[in-house]
Each structure stands twice: as C-alpha cells, then as structure tokens.
Amino acid sequence: MENRISQQTPFAYRCLHHPVYGKAFRYQCYKTAEIIHPTGTPIEEFGIVVDGILKANLYTVNGCELCSAYFEDCDVFPEFLYFTGKKVYTYTLAAVKKTEVAWIATSVFERMLQDDSEMMYSFMLYISKRGLKNQMLLNCLNYRTIQERVAYWLIGMNNLSQNEHIPLPKSQTMWANTLRVSRSSLNQEIKRMEALGYFRIDGHNLVLLNQKALEDLL
C-alpha cells in the first residue's frame, strides 16, 4: 500500500520534500506581469510552481504577444527545453498573477535523478503525462469550430484524469488562450454545451456527463 501511494505522489511534491535534495531549493515570489526570464536567458535552474500561474510568451514579427503555454501549481519547467538540448529560454517567462516558484540548479536536479532511481521513474511518468497533454493540445487545434475544440479537449483531459472530473484552468482567459479562441466565444459555447447536457461545471471542476455525445461531435 505504501508503495502504491508513493508512486501516486506528484513529482513536484516529491522534489520539494526530498530528504536530501529538498534542501537545495530556493523560493522566490513574483508580482503580476513580472518578467522572470526574457527569451535567450541561459537555463541554469529548473523551477516548480508552488502557487500561482506563469506563462510562456512568444511574439510575432509585429510585436503581438502569443501565449504558448501556462505553468500552474506543481508544474516543472523548462524540462523539455533543457533535456532536448535547448540551453536557453526560447520564450519569455512571465507571471500571470502573484506566483511563488521553487528553483533548483540544473546540475543539482540532474544529480538527484542520477542518485535516486525512484525520482527518475517519477520524473519519467511526469514528463510522459506532460508530453501526452501537449500532443493533445496540438491535435485539438486541428479542429476548426469552438465546439469541436472544446469536445476534443474535454475527452483528452478526461483520458488523463480518468475520473470524469476535469480540473479547469484557473481562468476562462487561460482556457480560451489554450484553445486559441476568444474568451467571449468560448464562454457562449460552454454555456450552450452545458445546457445540452454534455457536462456540468462545479466550481473549478467540470463533471463529464456524456463522453459518447462529445465523441460524436468529432
């Protein structure tokens, strides 16, 4: 029983409470809209969002801001960039709201994974789930209508959670940016689909009521 519970413990929690390497983290708070790392900053530390929201911004040639990803509670970053050979930030990292981040040197993080096989396994599970989520989001953008994107996103998120209770993004703006649609259009579509009985929104969670009906929309 203890082993099963241990395996289900989030990777971020295991890092922050590691009996040896947990002491290597430094904690820092950022204000709303504060730029943490501009594009091109060398990656010298890994971060874990303790509380709050960060976003990765890209900019068009005309200077328009594009949000490419969000990092919420217990998210680790920028692991994909670093371990795929990108040693600098390819986006601008900024705080969406007041956010606390736990930082650890990349060399110490790598040593933790090398020294602790259970942490390495937990990290592999974490990045596998993150990879599946990112791929799901990319596939979601292949659909043209807002209804189809919402349906595909809900099915994908339910496959990850597997309990018909899907945690919603912390704001509808975040959800709209994730699906690359306007906030007002998403709000209208969500209300319509909820009224049709596809799901029920309960606070910060969405309760899936009819996945088969959502699948039939695609």
Protein backbone atom coordinates (compact mmCIF):
# COMPACT_ATOMS: atom_id res chain seq x y z
CA MET A 1 0.00 0.00 0.00
CA GLU A 2 2.76 2.44 0.94
CA ASN A 3 4.50 1.81 -2.39
CA ARG A 4 1.33 2.49 -4.42
CA ILE A 5 0.68 5.71 -2.54
CA SER A 6 4.30 6.78 -3.06
CA GLN A 7 4.07 6.23 -6.81
CA GLN A 8 0.96 8.39 -6.99
CA THR A 9 2.60 11.31 -5.19
CA PRO A 10 3.17 14.21 -7.64
CA PHE A 11 6.73 14.57 -8.84
CA ALA A 12 6.89 18.22 -7.73
CA TYR A 13 5.90 17.30 -4.18
CA ARG A 14 8.49 14.52 -4.10
CA CYS A 15 11.16 17.02 -5.21
CA LEU A 16 10.29 19.71 -2.68
CA HIS A 17 10.14 17.19 0.17
CA HIS A 18 13.10 15.05 -0.84
CA PRO A 19 15.10 14.17 2.30
CA VAL A 20 18.38 15.23 0.65
CA TYR A 21 17.72 17.48 -2.33
CA GLY A 22 14.65 19.23 -0.98
CA LYS A 23 17.01 21.50 0.96
CA ALA A 24 18.62 22.69 -2.29
CA PHE A 25 15.56 24.63 -3.44
CA ARG A 26 15.35 28.41 -3.11
CA TYR A 27 11.95 30.10 -3.09
CA GLN A 28 11.12 33.37 -4.79
CA CYS A 29 7.89 35.33 -5.30
CA TYR A 30 7.00 37.31 -8.43
CA LYS A 31 4.47 40.09 -8.96
CA THR A 32 1.68 40.04 -11.53
CA ALA A 33 3.03 40.63 -15.07
CA GLU A 34 6.64 40.48 -13.87
CA ILE A 35 9.11 39.20 -16.47
CA ILE A 36 11.11 36.36 -14.94
CA HIS A 37 13.28 35.25 -17.86
CA PRO A 38 13.40 37.02 -21.25
CA THR A 39 13.91 35.00 -24.43
CA GLY A 40 17.52 33.87 -24.74
CA THR A 41 18.21 33.65 -20.99
CA PRO A 42 20.53 30.68 -20.23
CA ILE A 43 18.77 27.85 -18.38
CA GLU A 44 20.69 27.45 -15.15
CA GLU A 45 17.85 26.35 -12.86
CA PHE A 46 14.70 24.28 -13.00
CA GLY A 47 11.58 25.77 -11.48
CA ILE A 48 8.49 24.36 -9.79
CA VAL A 49 5.37 26.49 -9.46
CA VAL A 50 4.45 26.39 -5.78
CA ASP A 51 1.48 28.73 -6.05
CA GLY A 52 0.22 30.91 -8.89
CA ILE A 53 0.49 30.89 -12.68
CA LEU A 54 3.32 31.52 -15.13
CA LYS A 55 3.07 31.78 -18.90
CA ALA A 56 5.44 31.31 -21.80
CA ASN A 57 5.09 34.16 -24.28
CA LEU A 58 6.16 34.24 -27.90
CA TYR A 59 5.96 37.34 -30.07
CA THR A 60 5.12 37.81 -33.74
CA VAL A 61 7.26 39.95 -36.06
CA ASN A 62 4.74 42.73 -35.42
CA GLY A 63 5.26 42.50 -31.67
CA CYS A 64 1.94 40.80 -30.90
CA GLU A 65 2.00 38.54 -27.85
CA LEU A 66 1.19 34.86 -28.24
CA CYS A 67 0.81 32.67 -25.18
CA SER A 68 2.34 29.27 -25.98
CA ALA A 69 1.93 27.59 -22.58
CA TYR A 70 0.91 28.02 -18.96
CA PHE A 71 2.62 26.62 -15.87
CA GLU A 72 0.37 26.09 -12.86
CA ASP A 73 0.74 24.59 -9.38
CA CYS A 74 3.20 21.66 -9.30
CA ASP A 75 4.33 22.19 -12.91
CA VAL A 76 8.05 21.78 -13.56
CA PHE A 77 9.85 23.87 -16.18
CA PRO A 78 11.71 24.17 -18.53
CA GLU A 79 12.47 20.45 -18.57
CA PHE A 80 11.54 19.89 -22.22
CA LEU A 81 13.81 22.69 -23.42
CA TYR A 82 16.75 21.62 -21.30
CA PHE A 83 16.69 17.88 -21.91
CA THR A 84 16.17 18.29 -25.66
CA GLY A 85 19.33 20.35 -25.91
CA LYS A 86 17.92 23.88 -25.70
CA LYS A 87 20.03 25.51 -23.01
CA VAL A 88 18.31 28.91 -23.30
CA TYR A 89 14.70 30.05 -22.95
CA THR A 90 13.03 30.15 -26.36
CA TYR A 91 10.15 32.17 -24.91
CA THR A 92 9.65 34.95 -22.39
CA LEU A 93 8.62 33.60 -18.99
CA ALA A 94 6.27 35.89 -17.05
CA ALA A 95 3.96 35.76 -14.05
CA VAL A 96 0.23 35.89 -14.81
CA LYS A 97 -0.52 36.65 -11.16
CA LYS A 98 1.43 36.73 -7.92
CA THR A 99 3.39 33.50 -8.08
CA GLU A 100 5.85 31.62 -5.89
CA VAL A 101 8.48 29.47 -7.58
CA ALA A 102 10.92 26.98 -6.10
CA TRP A 103 14.23 26.96 -8.00
CA ILE A 104 16.97 24.35 -8.06
CA ALA A 105 20.24 24.37 -10.01
CA THR A 106 20.15 22.18 -13.14
CA SER A 107 23.30 20.34 -12.01
CA VAL A 108 21.73 19.50 -8.64
CA PHE A 109 18.46 18.43 -10.28
CA GLU A 110 20.33 16.10 -12.64
CA ARG A 111 22.33 14.68 -9.73
CA MET A 112 19.09 13.96 -7.86
CA LEU A 113 17.77 11.97 -10.81
CA GLN A 114 21.05 10.07 -11.15
CA ASP A 115 21.27 9.24 -7.45
CA ASP A 116 17.62 8.34 -6.82
CA SER A 117 16.08 5.81 -9.20
CA GLU A 118 12.59 6.33 -7.76
CA MET A 119 12.83 10.05 -8.53
CA MET A 120 13.98 9.26 -12.06
CA TYR A 121 10.97 6.98 -12.52
CA SER A 122 8.62 9.60 -11.11
CA PHE A 123 10.13 12.22 -13.43
CA MET A 124 9.64 9.96 -16.45
CA LEU A 125 5.97 9.50 -15.53
CA TYR A 126 5.61 13.26 -15.14
CA ILE A 127 7.14 14.20 -18.49
CA SER A 128 5.21 11.39 -20.22
CA LYS A 129 1.94 12.85 -18.96
CA ARG A 130 3.04 16.36 -19.89
CA GLY A 131 4.01 15.13 -23.35
CA LEU A 132 0.64 13.47 -23.85
CA LYS A 133 -1.12 16.66 -22.76
CA ASN A 134 0.95 18.81 -25.12
CA GLN A 135 0.29 16.47 -28.03
CA MET A 136 -3.41 16.51 -27.23
CA LEU A 137 -3.43 20.32 -27.31
CA LEU A 138 -1.68 20.35 -30.69
CA ASN A 139 -4.19 17.87 -32.11
CA CYS A 140 -7.00 19.97 -30.66
CA LEU A 141 -6.01 22.90 -32.87
CA ASN A 142 -6.64 20.81 -35.98
CA TYR A 143 -10.38 21.20 -35.33
CA ARG A 144 -11.97 24.31 -36.78
CA THR A 145 -15.03 25.02 -34.63
CA ILE A 146 -15.01 26.03 -30.97
CA GLN A 147 -17.43 23.21 -30.16
CA GLU A 148 -15.08 20.62 -31.67
CA ARG A 149 -12.07 22.04 -29.84
CA VAL A 150 -13.92 22.02 -26.53
CA ALA A 151 -15.10 18.45 -27.13
CA TYR A 152 -11.64 17.18 -28.06
CA TRP A 153 -10.01 19.00 -25.12
CA LEU A 154 -12.51 17.52 -22.67
CA ILE A 155 -12.09 13.99 -23.99
CA GLY A 156 -8.31 14.30 -23.87
CA MET A 157 -8.28 15.75 -20.37
CA ASN A 158 -10.65 13.04 -19.15
CA ASN A 159 -8.35 10.38 -20.59
CA LEU A 160 -5.57 11.87 -18.47
CA SER A 161 -7.64 12.17 -15.28
CA GLN A 162 -9.82 9.07 -15.90
CA ASN A 163 -12.47 10.01 -13.37
CA GLU A 164 -14.97 12.21 -15.25
CA HIS A 165 -13.93 15.15 -13.02
CA ILE A 166 -11.73 17.51 -15.03
CA PRO A 167 -9.89 20.37 -13.28
CA LEU A 168 -10.50 23.57 -15.23
CA PRO A 169 -7.86 26.22 -15.96
CA LYS A 170 -7.80 28.89 -13.28
CA SER A 171 -9.45 31.43 -15.56
CA GLN A 172 -11.56 31.33 -18.71
CA THR A 173 -8.95 33.53 -20.39
CA MET A 174 -6.38 30.77 -19.85
CA TRP A 175 -8.79 28.21 -21.29
CA ALA A 176 -9.52 30.41 -24.30
CA ASN A 177 -5.81 31.00 -24.95
CA THR A 178 -5.13 27.28 -24.70
CA LEU A 179 -7.78 26.54 -27.34
CA ARG A 180 -6.74 29.60 -29.41
CA VAL A 181 -10.26 31.11 -29.39
CA SER A 182 -11.73 34.33 -28.00
CA ARG A 183 -12.88 34.36 -24.39
CA SER A 184 -16.39 35.59 -25.27
CA SER A 185 -16.87 32.89 -27.92
CA LEU A 186 -15.67 30.18 -25.55
CA ASN A 187 -17.97 31.44 -22.80
CA GLN A 188 -21.01 31.28 -25.10
CA GLU A 189 -20.13 27.79 -26.33
CA ILE A 190 -19.50 26.44 -22.83
CA LYS A 191 -22.89 27.70 -21.62
CA ARG A 192 -24.61 26.16 -24.65
CA MET A 193 -22.91 22.78 -24.28
CA GLU A 194 -23.60 22.68 -20.56
CA ALA A 195 -27.29 23.39 -21.22
CA LEU A 196 -27.34 20.49 -23.71
CA GLY A 197 -26.13 18.12 -21.01
CA TYR A 198 -22.61 17.31 -22.19
CA PHE A 199 -21.15 18.28 -18.82
CA ARG A 200 -21.76 20.19 -15.60
CA ILE A 201 -19.44 22.86 -14.23
CA ASP A 202 -18.98 22.57 -10.48
CA GLY A 203 -16.72 25.31 -9.15
CA HIS A 204 -13.24 24.83 -10.60
CA ASN A 205 -14.06 21.37 -11.93
CA LEU A 206 -16.02 20.09 -14.88
CA VAL A 207 -18.05 16.92 -14.42
CA LEU A 208 -18.30 14.98 -17.67
CA LEU A 209 -21.83 13.66 -18.17
CA ASN A 210 -21.85 12.25 -21.70
CA GLN A 211 -18.48 11.46 -23.27
CA LYS A 212 -20.11 9.46 -26.08
CA ALA A 213 -22.05 12.54 -27.18
CA LEU A 214 -18.81 14.56 -27.20
CA GLU A 215 -17.10 11.88 -29.28
CA ASP A 216 -19.96 12.04 -31.80
CA LEU A 217 -19.19 15.74 -32.36
CA LEU A 218 -15.77 14.93 -33.77
